[in-house]
């Protein structure tokens, strides 16, 4: 989870990733940030994130992102 938070803070440093659960809903992460996150997560955790997984439920919070990473690592 620490590495995920580092990645998020590098991409969008002014967000409160530990507490915010509306990163997409409130427009904190834009489409460019999401693409950057997808790319970084795929490289760092050796996973594949498909377009169907790029949905608000997976990107609205660091916890949701981490849960998605964990699911994909199990596959």
Protein backbone atom coordinates (compact mmCIF):
# COMPACT_ATOMS: atom_id res chain seq x y z
CA UNK A 1 0.00 0.00 0.00
CA UNK A 2 2.91 2.36 0.71
CA UNK A 3 4.18 2.02 -2.85
CA UNK A 4 0.68 2.76 -4.17
CA UNK A 5 0.50 5.94 -2.09
CA UNK A 6 3.92 7.00 -3.41
CA UNK A 7 2.73 6.52 -6.98
CA UNK A 8 -0.46 8.47 -6.36
CA UNK A 9 1.36 11.33 -4.65
CA UNK A 10 3.87 11.55 -7.51
CA UNK A 11 1.06 11.83 -10.05
CA UNK A 12 -1.32 14.11 -8.10
CA UNK A 13 0.43 15.46 -5.00
CA UNK A 14 -2.35 17.68 -3.64
CA UNK A 15 -4.91 14.96 -2.86
CA UNK A 16 -5.62 13.33 0.50
CA UNK A 17 -5.34 9.72 -0.59
CA UNK A 18 -5.54 8.23 2.87
CA UNK A 19 -8.97 9.72 3.60
CA UNK A 20 -10.63 10.68 0.30
CA UNK A 21 -13.13 8.23 -1.13
CA UNK A 22 -14.35 10.42 -4.01
CA UNK A 23 -11.23 10.92 -6.13
CA UNK A 24 -13.15 10.41 -9.37
CA UNK A 25 -16.56 11.70 -8.28
CA UNK A 26 -15.08 15.02 -7.13
CA UNK A 27 -12.78 15.39 -10.15
CA UNK A 28 -9.59 15.17 -8.10
CA UNK A 29 -8.20 12.69 -10.62
CA UNK A 30 -8.62 13.62 -14.27
CA UNK A 31 -8.32 11.28 -17.23
CA UNK A 32 -4.62 11.98 -17.69
CA UNK A 33 -3.94 11.16 -14.03
CA UNK A 34 -5.93 7.94 -14.34
CA UNK A 35 -3.94 6.85 -17.39
CA UNK A 36 -0.71 7.63 -15.55
CA UNK A 37 -1.86 5.64 -12.52
CA UNK A 38 -2.82 2.66 -14.70
CA UNK A 39 0.58 2.71 -16.38
CA UNK A 40 2.51 3.02 -13.11
CA UNK A 41 0.50 0.30 -11.37
CA UNK A 42 0.97 -2.10 -14.27
CA UNK A 43 4.72 -1.51 -14.26
CA UNK A 44 5.20 -1.59 -10.50
CA UNK A 45 2.98 -4.56 -9.65
CA UNK A 46 3.28 -6.51 -12.93
CA UNK A 47 -0.47 -6.58 -13.50
CA UNK A 48 -2.73 -5.82 -16.44
CA UNK A 49 -5.55 -3.34 -15.96
CA UNK A 50 -8.13 -3.66 -18.71
CA UNK A 51 -10.35 -0.78 -19.89
CA UNK A 52 -13.35 -2.47 -18.23
CA UNK A 53 -11.59 -2.12 -14.86
CA UNK A 54 -11.07 1.62 -15.25
CA UNK A 55 -14.28 2.57 -13.44
CA UNK A 56 -14.96 4.93 -10.54
CA UNK A 57 -15.49 2.04 -8.13
CA UNK A 58 -11.85 1.02 -8.61
CA UNK A 59 -10.36 4.53 -8.64
CA UNK A 60 -12.39 6.58 -6.12
CA UNK A 61 -9.98 5.87 -3.25
CA UNK A 62 -6.54 4.49 -2.54
CA UNK A 63 -8.24 1.60 -0.72
CA UNK A 64 -10.26 0.74 -3.82
CA UNK A 65 -7.16 0.95 -6.00
CA UNK A 66 -5.23 -1.28 -3.62
CA UNK A 67 -8.08 -3.82 -3.56
CA UNK A 68 -8.03 -3.91 -7.37
CA UNK A 69 -4.25 -4.39 -7.41
CA UNK A 70 -4.56 -7.25 -4.93
CA UNK A 71 -7.28 -8.94 -7.01
CA UNK A 72 -5.23 -8.63 -10.18
CA UNK A 73 -2.09 -9.97 -8.52
CA UNK A 74 -4.00 -13.11 -7.54
CA UNK A 75 -5.02 -13.83 -11.15
